[in-house]
Amino acid sequence: MEKMPQNLSFTRLSGLHNPFLLNGMKQALKRIVEAVNYREKIVVYGYGDLDGITAVSLLLLVLKYLNADVEYYIADFGDETRSLKEENIKNNIMFLGASLVVTVSCEIESDEQLKLCQEMGIDIIVTDYHTCDPMLEKEIVINPTQKNCIYPFKKLSGVGVAYKFAEAISSYYEMNSVKKYLDLVMLGTLSKNKPIVNENKAIVNMGIRQLACTNNYGLKALMKSYNIKKIDRENINELIENIRLTITTSRKVDNARIIVEILTTANKDRAEQIAKYLKNEIKVCKIYAC
C-alpha cells in the first residue's frame, strides 16, 4: 500500500478551497495513487450530460498524464437515471478489467451495486454533488453534501467535485499544470446552471481566462467550427448550447463518447475532423427538431 506524505503541499488558487477539506479525499487519493503506481486498470464512469462529459475528460487527461492504465465508460442513460447500473458493471466494467472505478456526476442507487463490485474485486471511488445517501459512508466518497463534511462550499457541479479530486492528485505528484483544465471545469459548471457564487464564480472566471489561451485541441477546433472568436459569457453559452444539441439526438450516447474524444485528443487533425462531424449533427438535429 502507498503511504501518503504527512503534509501534502497544495498550491491554493484565489477563490478555491483546499480539496483536503472534503471528507474521503485522503482515502480516495491513497487508493488512486496505488492504482496509478501499480498500473491497475482504472475506469472513469460518468453520466452523459456536459457536466459528466467534462468530468470524465478531466480525469482522463490527468490520469493519462501520469501514465495510468485508464479507460472510461459513459452508460446509455435512456431512462434518465444517473446511477451506476448493475448490468453495466457485469457487461462493461468487468469486461474492461477494472480493479478501480471512479464515478463522476453519478449516484449509487443501492447497496447491491456496491456488493456486486466487491464480489468482483472492484473498488469504487464516488465523486458526486447530489444529496449523499448515509449508506455510502462506509465507501470512499467525495461529496461536499456528505453529513459532517466541513467543506465550505456545497454547490459544486459534478465536474467541480472531480476537479477537487484532480487538485489532490496533482498535489501528490507535484503537477503544476492541473489549473490548465479549468476551461473544461468552467464549461461543465455553467452547463448545470449552478449558482455562480463563491468557488463556482472563481472556477468560471479562471476558466474563461484559460479558454482564451487554451492548449486543448478539441476546444480550439469547436470554437473554430462555431466561429467563436471572442471569449465572453455569451459566446461560451453558445458553445455549451451547441455541444448540448449533439447529445440530444438519437445518437446521444455515441456523441457523448465522441465529445470525450475531442476534449481529450492530442491530435489536432482528429479534433478538427470531430468538430466538423459535431457541427453537422447540430444541423441534422435542427432539421428534425431534436
C-alpha atoms as a PDB file:
ATOM      1  CA  MET A   1       0.000   0.000   0.000  1.00  0.00           C
ATOM      2  CA  GLU A   2       1.178   3.509  -0.821  1.00  0.00           C
ATOM      3  CA  LYS A   3       1.960   5.779   2.119  1.00  0.00           C
ATOM      4  CA  MET A   4       0.708   9.341   1.977  1.00  0.00           C
ATOM      5  CA  PRO A   5       3.122  12.135   2.957  1.00  0.00           C
ATOM      6  CA  GLN A   6       2.148  13.696   6.263  1.00  0.00           C
ATOM      7  CA  ASN A   7       1.861  17.189   4.774  1.00  0.00           C
ATOM      8  CA  LEU A   8       0.829  17.342   1.137  1.00  0.00           C
ATOM      9  CA  SER A   9       1.635  20.701  -0.407  1.00  0.00           C
ATOM     10  CA  PHE A  10      -1.342  22.386  -2.028  1.00  0.00           C
ATOM     11  CA  THR A  11      -0.945  25.483  -4.149  1.00  0.00           C
ATOM     12  CA  ARG A  12      -4.138  27.387  -3.491  1.00  0.00           C
ATOM     13  CA  LEU A  13      -5.599  29.408  -6.331  1.00  0.00           C
ATOM     14  CA  SER A  14      -7.566  32.504  -5.352  1.00  0.00           C
ATOM     15  CA  GLY A  15     -11.169  31.629  -4.561  1.00  0.00           C
ATOM     16  CA  LEU A  16     -10.647  27.860  -4.478  1.00  0.00           C
ATOM     17  CA  HIS A  17     -10.814  25.900  -1.231  1.00  0.00           C
ATOM     18  CA  ASN A  18      -8.372  23.232  -0.087  1.00  0.00           C
ATOM     19  CA  PRO A  19      -9.530  19.875  -1.549  1.00  0.00           C
ATOM     20  CA  PHE A  20      -8.423  18.050   1.591  1.00  0.00           C
ATOM     21  CA  LEU A  21     -11.300  19.667   3.495  1.00  0.00           C
ATOM     22  CA  LEU A  22     -13.579  17.212   1.674  1.00  0.00           C
ATOM     23  CA  ASN A  23     -14.450  14.038   3.570  1.00  0.00           C
ATOM     24  CA  GLY A  24     -12.916  10.985   1.947  1.00  0.00           C
ATOM     25  CA  MET A  25     -10.286  12.889  -0.048  1.00  0.00           C
ATOM     26  CA  LYS A  26      -7.249  11.400   1.684  1.00  0.00           C
ATOM     27  CA  GLN A  27      -8.642   7.860   1.345  1.00  0.00           C
ATOM     28  CA  ALA A  28      -9.509   8.471  -2.314  1.00  0.00           C
ATOM     29  CA  LEU A  29      -6.048   9.872  -3.017  1.00  0.00           C
ATOM     30  CA  LYS A  30      -4.358   6.902  -1.369  1.00  0.00           C
ATOM     31  CA  ARG A  31      -6.394   4.456  -3.485  1.00  0.00           C
ATOM     32  CA  ILE A  32      -5.880   6.278  -6.802  1.00  0.00           C
ATOM     33  CA  VAL A  33      -2.134   6.624  -6.175  1.00  0.00           C
ATOM     34  CA  GLU A  34      -1.909   2.894  -5.543  1.00  0.00           C
ATOM     35  CA  ALA A  35      -3.792   2.188  -8.774  1.00  0.00           C
ATOM     36  CA  VAL A  36      -1.640   4.597 -10.813  1.00  0.00           C
ATOM     37  CA  ASN A  37       1.689   3.396  -9.422  1.00  0.00           C
ATOM     38  CA  TYR A  38       0.902  -0.317  -9.747  1.00  0.00           C
ATOM     39  CA  ARG A  39      -0.710   0.040 -13.178  1.00  0.00           C
ATOM     40  CA  GLU A  40      -4.107  -1.204 -12.095  1.00  0.00           C
ATOM     41  CA  LYS A  41      -6.932  -0.761 -14.563  1.00  0.00           C
ATOM     42  CA  ILE A  42      -8.926   2.365 -13.684  1.00  0.00           C
ATOM     43  CA  VAL A  43     -12.316   3.074 -15.258  1.00  0.00           C
ATOM     44  CA  VAL A  44     -13.884   6.527 -15.035  1.00  0.00           C
ATOM     45  CA  TYR A  45     -17.667   6.098 -15.157  1.00  0.00           C
ATOM     46  CA  GLY A  46     -19.775   9.129 -15.985  1.00  0.00           C
ATOM     47  CA  TYR A  47     -23.179  10.463 -16.845  1.00  0.00           C
ATOM     48  CA  GLY A  48     -23.727  11.605 -20.423  1.00  0.00           C
ATOM     49  CA  ASP A  49     -24.532  15.292 -19.957  1.00  0.00           C
ATOM     50  CA  LEU A  50     -21.941  18.031 -20.440  1.00  0.00           C
ATOM     51  CA  ASP A  51     -21.160  18.146 -16.719  1.00  0.00           C
ATOM     52  CA  GLY A  52     -20.419  14.408 -16.708  1.00  0.00           C
ATOM     53  CA  ILE A  53     -18.584  14.518 -20.053  1.00  0.00           C
ATOM     54  CA  THR A  54     -16.235  17.280 -18.923  1.00  0.00           C
ATOM     55  CA  ALA A  55     -15.648  15.451 -15.608  1.00  0.00           C
ATOM     56  CA  VAL A  56     -14.748  12.231 -17.441  1.00  0.00           C
ATOM     57  CA  SER A  57     -12.480  14.164 -19.816  1.00  0.00           C
ATOM     58  CA  LEU A  58     -10.755  15.997 -16.960  1.00  0.00           C
ATOM     59  CA  LEU A  59      -9.849  12.834 -15.046  1.00  0.00           C
ATOM     60  CA  LEU A  60      -8.802  11.045 -18.236  1.00  0.00           C
ATOM     61  CA  LEU A  61      -6.395  13.851 -19.099  1.00  0.00           C
ATOM     62  CA  VAL A  62      -4.927  13.956 -15.585  1.00  0.00           C
ATOM     63  CA  LEU A  63      -4.541  10.186 -15.268  1.00  0.00           C
ATOM     64  CA  LYS A  64      -3.137   9.762 -18.784  1.00  0.00           C
ATOM     65  CA  TYR A  65      -0.596  12.476 -17.991  1.00  0.00           C
ATOM     66  CA  LEU A  66       0.511  10.239 -15.109  1.00  0.00           C
ATOM     67  CA  ASN A  67       0.711   7.256 -17.494  1.00  0.00           C
ATOM     68  CA  ALA A  68      -2.088   5.466 -15.650  1.00  0.00           C
ATOM     69  CA  ASP A  69      -3.856   2.476 -17.185  1.00  0.00           C
ATOM     70  CA  VAL A  70      -7.209   4.224 -17.579  1.00  0.00           C
ATOM     71  CA  GLU A  71     -10.371   3.802 -19.653  1.00  0.00           C
ATOM     72  CA  TYR A  72     -13.765   5.415 -19.378  1.00  0.00           C
ATOM     73  CA  TYR A  73     -17.376   4.418 -19.750  1.00  0.00           C
ATOM     74  CA  ILE A  74     -20.453   6.537 -20.388  1.00  0.00           C
ATOM     75  CA  ALA A  75     -23.570   4.457 -19.966  1.00  0.00           C
ATOM     76  CA  ASP A  76     -26.743   4.557 -22.029  1.00  0.00           C
ATOM     77  CA  PHE A  77     -28.869   6.686 -19.710  1.00  0.00           C
ATOM     78  CA  GLY A  78     -32.038   6.190 -21.719  1.00  0.00           C
ATOM     79  CA  ASP A  79     -34.208   6.155 -18.621  1.00  0.00           C
ATOM     80  CA  GLU A  80     -32.551   9.394 -17.444  1.00  0.00           C
ATOM     81  CA  THR A  81     -31.291   7.852 -14.205  1.00  0.00           C
ATOM     82  CA  ARG A  82     -27.804   8.778 -13.057  1.00  0.00           C
ATOM     83  CA  SER A  83     -26.952   5.657 -11.118  1.00  0.00           C
ATOM     84  CA  LEU A  84     -24.231   3.089 -11.589  1.00  0.00           C
ATOM     85  CA  LYS A  85     -26.056   0.179 -13.229  1.00  0.00           C
ATOM     86  CA  GLU A  86     -25.572  -3.473 -12.280  1.00  0.00           C
ATOM     87  CA  GLU A  87     -25.778  -4.548 -15.939  1.00  0.00           C
ATOM     88  CA  ASN A  88     -23.011  -2.092 -16.814  1.00  0.00           C
ATOM     89  CA  ILE A  89     -20.845  -3.447 -14.008  1.00  0.00           C
ATOM     90  CA  LYS A  90     -21.350  -7.012 -15.252  1.00  0.00           C
ATOM     91  CA  ASN A  91     -21.231  -6.375 -19.001  1.00  0.00           C
ATOM     92  CA  ASN A  92     -18.858  -3.450 -19.393  1.00  0.00           C
ATOM     93  CA  ILE A  93     -16.814  -2.580 -16.323  1.00  0.00           C
ATOM     94  CA  MET A  94     -15.803  -6.189 -15.733  1.00  0.00           C
ATOM     95  CA  PHE A  95     -15.050  -6.595 -19.464  1.00  0.00           C
ATOM     96  CA  LEU A  96     -12.641  -3.653 -19.282  1.00  0.00           C
ATOM     97  CA  GLY A  97     -10.807  -5.439 -16.462  1.00  0.00           C
ATOM     98  CA  ALA A  98     -11.266  -2.680 -13.901  1.00  0.00           C
ATOM     99  CA  SER A  99      -9.924  -3.005 -10.391  1.00  0.00           C
ATOM    100  CA  LEU A 100     -10.922   0.579  -9.557  1.00  0.00           C
ATOM    101  CA  VAL A 101     -13.947   2.581 -10.756  1.00  0.00           C
ATOM    102  CA  VAL A 102     -14.171   6.335 -10.244  1.00  0.00           C
ATOM    103  CA  THR A 103     -17.709   7.639 -10.735  1.00  0.00           C
ATOM    104  CA  VAL A 104     -18.293  11.247 -11.753  1.00  0.00           C
ATOM    105  CA  SER A 105     -21.652  13.012 -11.525  1.00  0.00           C
ATOM    106  CA  CYS A 106     -23.363   9.655 -10.848  1.00  0.00           C
ATOM    107  CA  GLU A 107     -25.413   8.410  -7.958  1.00  0.00           C
ATOM    108  CA  ILE A 108     -25.185   4.998  -6.304  1.00  0.00           C
ATOM    109  CA  GLU A 109     -28.706   3.569  -6.219  1.00  0.00           C
ATOM    110  CA  SER A 110     -28.372   0.725  -3.716  1.00  0.00           C
ATOM    111  CA  ASP A 111     -26.071  -1.466  -1.675  1.00  0.00           C
ATOM    112  CA  GLU A 112     -26.472  -4.187  -4.315  1.00  0.00           C
ATOM    113  CA  GLN A 113     -24.266  -2.302  -6.748  1.00  0.00           C
ATOM    114  CA  LEU A 114     -21.546  -1.903  -4.150  1.00  0.00           C
ATOM    115  CA  LYS A 115     -21.767  -5.553  -3.092  1.00  0.00           C
ATOM    116  CA  LEU A 116     -21.538  -6.664  -6.721  1.00  0.00           C
ATOM    117  CA  CYS A 117     -18.358  -4.643  -7.212  1.00  0.00           C
ATOM    118  CA  GLN A 118     -16.896  -6.064  -4.010  1.00  0.00           C
ATOM    119  CA  GLU A 119     -17.658  -9.612  -5.180  1.00  0.00           C
ATOM    120  CA  MET A 120     -15.832  -8.872  -8.429  1.00  0.00           C
ATOM    121  CA  GLY A 121     -12.841  -7.366  -6.638  1.00  0.00           C
ATOM    122  CA  ILE A 122     -13.592  -3.842  -7.876  1.00  0.00           C
ATOM    123  CA  ASP A 123     -13.084  -0.834  -5.593  1.00  0.00           C
ATOM    124  CA  ILE A 124     -15.165   2.306  -6.077  1.00  0.00           C
ATOM    125  CA  ILE A 125     -14.417   5.976  -5.516  1.00  0.00           C
ATOM    126  CA  VAL A 126     -17.600   8.049  -5.753  1.00  0.00           C
ATOM    127  CA  THR A 127     -17.279  11.725  -6.699  1.00  0.00           C
ATOM    128  CA  ASP A 128     -20.642  13.458  -6.751  1.00  0.00           C
ATOM    129  CA  TYR A 129     -22.654  16.506  -5.718  1.00  0.00           C
ATOM    130  CA  HIS A 130     -26.155  15.063  -5.242  1.00  0.00           C
ATOM    131  CA  THR A 131     -27.503  14.730  -1.714  1.00  0.00           C
ATOM    132  CA  CYS A 132     -25.417  11.950  -0.247  1.00  0.00           C
ATOM    133  CA  ASP A 133     -27.058   8.742   0.999  1.00  0.00           C
ATOM    134  CA  PRO A 134     -25.821   7.792   4.507  1.00  0.00           C
ATOM    135  CA  MET A 135     -25.342   4.185   3.315  1.00  0.00           C
ATOM    136  CA  LEU A 136     -22.307   5.357   1.355  1.00  0.00           C
ATOM    137  CA  GLU A 137     -20.413   6.479   4.436  1.00  0.00           C
ATOM    138  CA  LYS A 138     -18.515   3.187   4.524  1.00  0.00           C
ATOM    139  CA  GLU A 139     -17.333   3.702   0.930  1.00  0.00           C
ATOM    140  CA  ILE A 140     -14.777   6.167  -0.437  1.00  0.00           C
ATOM    141  CA  VAL A 141     -16.949   9.169  -1.249  1.00  0.00           C
ATOM    142  CA  ILE A 142     -16.006  12.718  -2.194  1.00  0.00           C
ATOM    143  CA  ASN A 143     -19.129  14.829  -1.925  1.00  0.00           C
ATOM    144  CA  PRO A 144     -19.479  18.237  -0.247  1.00  0.00           C
ATOM    145  CA  THR A 145     -23.065  17.405   0.761  1.00  0.00           C
ATOM    146  CA  GLN A 146     -21.962  14.488   2.962  1.00  0.00           C
ATOM    147  CA  LYS A 147     -23.057  14.604   6.585  1.00  0.00           C
ATOM    148  CA  ASN A 148     -20.395  16.239   8.778  1.00  0.00           C
ATOM    149  CA  CYS A 149     -18.322  17.323   5.752  1.00  0.00           C
ATOM    150  CA  ILE A 150     -16.669  20.637   6.657  1.00  0.00           C
ATOM    151  CA  TYR A 151     -16.071  21.689   3.060  1.00  0.00           C
ATOM    152  CA  PRO A 152     -17.305  25.310   2.978  1.00  0.00           C
ATOM    153  CA  PHE A 153     -18.992  25.315  -0.459  1.00  0.00           C
ATOM    154  CA  LYS A 154     -21.829  22.885  -1.145  1.00  0.00           C
ATOM    155  CA  LYS A 155     -22.900  23.931  -4.668  1.00  0.00           C
ATOM    156  CA  LEU A 156     -20.170  22.413  -6.832  1.00  0.00           C
ATOM    157  CA  SER A 157     -21.156  20.657 -10.053  1.00  0.00           C
ATOM    158  CA  GLY A 158     -20.054  17.120 -10.859  1.00  0.00           C
ATOM    159  CA  VAL A 159     -17.006  18.363 -12.765  1.00  0.00           C
ATOM    160  CA  GLY A 160     -16.306  20.765  -9.901  1.00  0.00           C
ATOM    161  CA  VAL A 161     -16.049  17.862  -7.453  1.00  0.00           C
ATOM    162  CA  ALA A 162     -13.932  15.914  -9.965  1.00  0.00           C
ATOM    163  CA  TYR A 163     -11.610  18.921 -10.188  1.00  0.00           C
ATOM    164  CA  LYS A 164     -11.120  18.912  -6.415  1.00  0.00           C
ATOM    165  CA  PHE A 165     -10.014  15.280  -6.772  1.00  0.00           C
ATOM    166  CA  ALA A 166      -7.684  16.306  -9.596  1.00  0.00           C
ATOM    167  CA  GLU A 167      -6.215  19.021  -7.363  1.00  0.00           C
ATOM    168  CA  ALA A 168      -5.465  16.446  -4.663  1.00  0.00           C
ATOM    169  CA  ILE A 169      -3.861  14.111  -7.207  1.00  0.00           C
ATOM    170  CA  SER A 170      -1.756  16.983  -8.554  1.00  0.00           C
ATOM    171  CA  SER A 171      -0.546  17.830  -5.043  1.00  0.00           C
ATOM    172  CA  TYR A 172       0.760  14.286  -4.538  1.00  0.00           C
ATOM    173  CA  TYR A 173       2.506  14.087  -7.913  1.00  0.00           C
ATOM    174  CA  GLU A 174       3.620  17.744  -7.788  1.00  0.00           C
ATOM    175  CA  MET A 175       1.839  18.582 -11.041  1.00  0.00           C
ATOM    176  CA  ASN A 176       1.866  22.292 -11.788  1.00  0.00           C
ATOM    177  CA  SER A 177      -0.424  22.105 -14.783  1.00  0.00           C
ATOM    178  CA  VAL A 178      -3.778  20.992 -13.338  1.00  0.00           C
ATOM    179  CA  LYS A 179      -5.188  24.534 -13.500  1.00  0.00           C
ATOM    180  CA  LYS A 180      -4.995  24.377 -17.311  1.00  0.00           C
ATOM    181  CA  TYR A 181      -8.078  22.125 -17.196  1.00  0.00           C
ATOM    182  CA  LEU A 182     -10.228  24.869 -15.663  1.00  0.00           C
ATOM    183  CA  ASP A 183     -11.657  25.634 -19.122  1.00  0.00           C
ATOM    184  CA  LEU A 184     -13.335  22.199 -19.079  1.00  0.00           C
ATOM    185  CA  VAL A 185     -14.466  22.683 -15.481  1.00  0.00           C
ATOM    186  CA  MET A 186     -15.944  26.062 -16.367  1.00  0.00           C
ATOM    187  CA  LEU A 187     -17.975  24.620 -19.271  1.00  0.00           C
ATOM    188  CA  GLY A 188     -19.378  21.798 -17.146  1.00  0.00           C
ATOM    189  CA  THR A 189     -20.188  24.159 -14.272  1.00  0.00           C
ATOM    190  CA  LEU A 190     -22.069  26.636 -16.483  1.00  0.00           C
ATOM    191  CA  SER A 191     -23.956  23.797 -18.177  1.00  0.00           C
ATOM    192  CA  LYS A 192     -25.526  22.793 -14.820  1.00  0.00           C
ATOM    193  CA  ASN A 193     -26.935  26.248 -14.092  1.00  0.00           C
ATOM    194  CA  LYS A 194     -25.342  26.158 -10.659  1.00  0.00           C
ATOM    195  CA  PRO A 195     -25.225  29.457  -8.740  1.00  0.00           C
ATOM    196  CA  ILE A 196     -22.151  31.348  -9.938  1.00  0.00           C
ATOM    197  CA  VAL A 197     -21.022  32.416  -6.493  1.00  0.00           C
ATOM    198  CA  ASN A 198     -18.090  31.622  -4.208  1.00  0.00           C
ATOM    199  CA  GLU A 199     -15.991  28.779  -5.651  1.00  0.00           C
ATOM    200  CA  ASN A 200     -18.130  28.420  -8.782  1.00  0.00           C
ATOM    201  CA  LYS A 201     -17.515  32.101  -9.558  1.00  0.00           C
ATOM    202  CA  ALA A 202     -13.756  31.562  -9.219  1.00  0.00           C
ATOM    203  CA  ILE A 203     -13.931  28.469 -11.448  1.00  0.00           C
ATOM    204  CA  VAL A 204     -15.895  30.327 -14.135  1.00  0.00           C
ATOM    205  CA  ASN A 205     -13.665  33.416 -14.102  1.00  0.00           C
ATOM    206  CA  MET A 206     -10.427  31.429 -14.226  1.00  0.00           C
ATOM    207  CA  GLY A 207     -11.911  29.023 -16.769  1.00  0.00           C
ATOM    208  CA  ILE A 208     -12.833  31.851 -19.123  1.00  0.00           C
ATOM    209  CA  ARG A 209      -9.281  33.213 -18.928  1.00  0.00           C
ATOM    210  CA  GLN A 210      -7.913  29.721 -19.528  1.00  0.00           C
ATOM    211  CA  LEU A 211     -10.191  29.180 -22.536  1.00  0.00           C
ATOM    212  CA  ALA A 212      -8.771  32.309 -24.169  1.00  0.00           C
ATOM    213  CA  CYS A 213      -5.321  30.698 -24.247  1.00  0.00           C
ATOM    214  CA  THR A 214      -6.307  27.026 -24.168  1.00  0.00           C
ATOM    215  CA  ASN A 215      -3.996  24.338 -25.484  1.00  0.00           C
ATOM    216  CA  ASN A 216      -6.892  21.871 -25.763  1.00  0.00           C
ATOM    217  CA  TYR A 217      -7.108  20.931 -29.442  1.00  0.00           C
ATOM    218  CA  GLY A 218     -10.755  19.948 -29.101  1.00  0.00           C
ATOM    219  CA  LEU A 219     -11.885  23.245 -27.617  1.00  0.00           C
ATOM    220  CA  LYS A 220      -9.887  25.142 -30.235  1.00  0.00           C
ATOM    221  CA  ALA A 221     -11.483  23.098 -33.024  1.00  0.00           C
ATOM    222  CA  LEU A 222     -15.006  23.581 -31.636  1.00  0.00           C
ATOM    223  CA  MET A 223     -14.561  27.341 -31.320  1.00  0.00           C
ATOM    224  CA  LYS A 224     -13.193  27.489 -34.862  1.00  0.00           C
ATOM    225  CA  SER A 225     -16.072  25.372 -36.173  1.00  0.00           C
ATOM    226  CA  TYR A 226     -18.672  27.600 -34.491  1.00  0.00           C
ATOM    227  CA  ASN A 227     -16.785  30.770 -35.484  1.00  0.00           C
ATOM    228  CA  ILE A 228     -16.261  31.858 -31.887  1.00  0.00           C
ATOM    229  CA  LYS A 229     -13.506  34.471 -31.849  1.00  0.00           C
ATOM    230  CA  LYS A 230     -14.293  36.450 -28.724  1.00  0.00           C
ATOM    231  CA  ILE A 231     -14.261  34.658 -25.373  1.00  0.00           C
ATOM    232  CA  ASP A 232     -17.142  36.019 -23.310  1.00  0.00           C
ATOM    233  CA  ARG A 233     -20.134  34.562 -21.453  1.00  0.00           C
ATOM    234  CA  GLU A 234     -22.466  34.985 -24.430  1.00  0.00           C
ATOM    235  CA  ASN A 235     -20.197  33.047 -26.806  1.00  0.00           C
ATOM    236  CA  ILE A 236     -19.402  30.456 -24.150  1.00  0.00           C
ATOM    237  CA  ASN A 237     -23.122  29.863 -23.623  1.00  0.00           C
ATOM    238  CA  GLU A 238     -23.456  29.424 -27.384  1.00  0.00           C
ATOM    239  CA  LEU A 239     -20.651  26.858 -27.340  1.00  0.00           C
ATOM    240  CA  ILE A 240     -22.338  24.995 -24.460  1.00  0.00           C
ATOM    241  CA  GLU A 241     -25.702  25.002 -26.241  1.00  0.00           C
ATOM    242  CA  ASN A 242     -24.159  23.656 -29.455  1.00  0.00           C
ATOM    243  CA  ILE A 243     -22.494  20.812 -27.570  1.00  0.00           C
ATOM    244  CA  ARG A 244     -25.759  20.093 -25.740  1.00  0.00           C
ATOM    245  CA  LEU A 245     -27.615  19.775 -29.044  1.00  0.00           C
ATOM    246  CA  THR A 246     -25.317  16.975 -30.184  1.00  0.00           C
ATOM    247  CA  ILE A 247     -26.151  14.934 -27.074  1.00  0.00           C
ATOM    248  CA  THR A 248     -29.918  15.250 -27.502  1.00  0.00           C
ATOM    249  CA  THR A 249     -30.025  13.359 -30.804  1.00  0.00           C
ATOM    250  CA  SER A 250     -30.894   9.666 -31.176  1.00  0.00           C
ATOM    251  CA  ARG A 251     -27.126   9.046 -31.156  1.00  0.00           C
ATOM    252  CA  LYS A 252     -26.634  10.882 -27.870  1.00  0.00           C
ATOM    253  CA  VAL A 253     -24.550   8.189 -26.172  1.00  0.00           C
ATOM    254  CA  ASP A 254     -22.271   7.769 -29.180  1.00  0.00           C
ATOM    255  CA  ASN A 255     -21.988  11.544 -29.452  1.00  0.00           C
ATOM    256  CA  ALA A 256     -21.209  11.865 -25.738  1.00  0.00           C
ATOM    257  CA  ARG A 257     -18.293   9.489 -26.256  1.00  0.00           C
ATOM    258  CA  ILE A 258     -17.209  11.410 -29.345  1.00  0.00           C
ATOM    259  CA  ILE A 259     -17.208  14.627 -27.312  1.00  0.00           C
ATOM    260  CA  VAL A 260     -14.970  12.934 -24.722  1.00  0.00           C
ATOM    261  CA  GLU A 261     -12.642  12.033 -27.595  1.00  0.00           C
ATOM    262  CA  ILE A 262     -12.459  15.575 -28.956  1.00  0.00           C
ATOM    263  CA  LEU A 263     -11.845  17.024 -25.487  1.00  0.00           C
ATOM    264  CA  THR A 264      -9.008  14.587 -24.765  1.00  0.00           C
ATOM    265  CA  THR A 265      -7.315  14.068 -28.134  1.00  0.00           C
ATOM    266  CA  ALA A 266      -3.698  15.102 -28.641  1.00  0.00           C
ATOM    267  CA  ASN A 267      -4.189  15.083 -32.422  1.00  0.00           C
ATOM    268  CA  LYS A 268      -5.099  18.453 -33.952  1.00  0.00           C
ATOM    269  CA  ASP A 269      -6.341  16.974 -37.232  1.00  0.00           C
ATOM    270  CA  ARG A 270      -8.567  14.480 -35.415  1.00  0.00           C
ATOM    271  CA  ALA A 271     -10.011  17.288 -33.286  1.00  0.00           C
ATOM    272  CA  GLU A 272     -10.932  19.302 -36.388  1.00  0.00           C
ATOM    273  CA  GLN A 273     -12.443  16.224 -38.032  1.00  0.00           C
ATOM    274  CA  ILE A 274     -14.658  15.571 -34.998  1.00  0.00           C
ATOM    275  CA  ALA A 275     -15.653  19.251 -34.772  1.00  0.00           C
ATOM    276  CA  LYS A 276     -16.946  19.118 -38.357  1.00  0.00           C
ATOM    277  CA  TYR A 277     -18.934  15.962 -37.553  1.00  0.00           C
ATOM    278  CA  LEU A 278     -20.488  17.554 -34.464  1.00  0.00           C
ATOM    279  CA  LYS A 279     -21.432  20.694 -36.388  1.00  0.00           C
ATOM    280  CA  ASN A 280     -23.202  18.503 -38.937  1.00  0.00           C
ATOM    281  CA  GLU A 281     -25.022  16.723 -36.093  1.00  0.00           C
ATOM    282  CA  ILE A 282     -26.414  20.086 -34.978  1.00  0.00           C
ATOM    283  CA  LYS A 283     -27.748  20.746 -38.482  1.00  0.00           C
ATOM    284  CA  VAL A 284     -29.440  17.327 -38.505  1.00  0.00           C
ATOM    285  CA  CYS A 285     -30.861  17.960 -35.036  1.00  0.00           C
ATOM    286  CA  LYS A 286     -32.331  21.314 -36.075  1.00  0.00           C
ATOM    287  CA  ILE A 287     -33.850  19.868 -39.272  1.00  0.00           C
ATOM    288  CA  TYR A 288     -35.585  17.079 -37.382  1.00  0.00           C
ATOM    289  CA  ALA A 289     -36.354  19.254 -34.320  1.00  0.00           C
ATOM    290  CA  CYS A 290     -34.493  17.059 -31.864  1.00  0.00           C
END
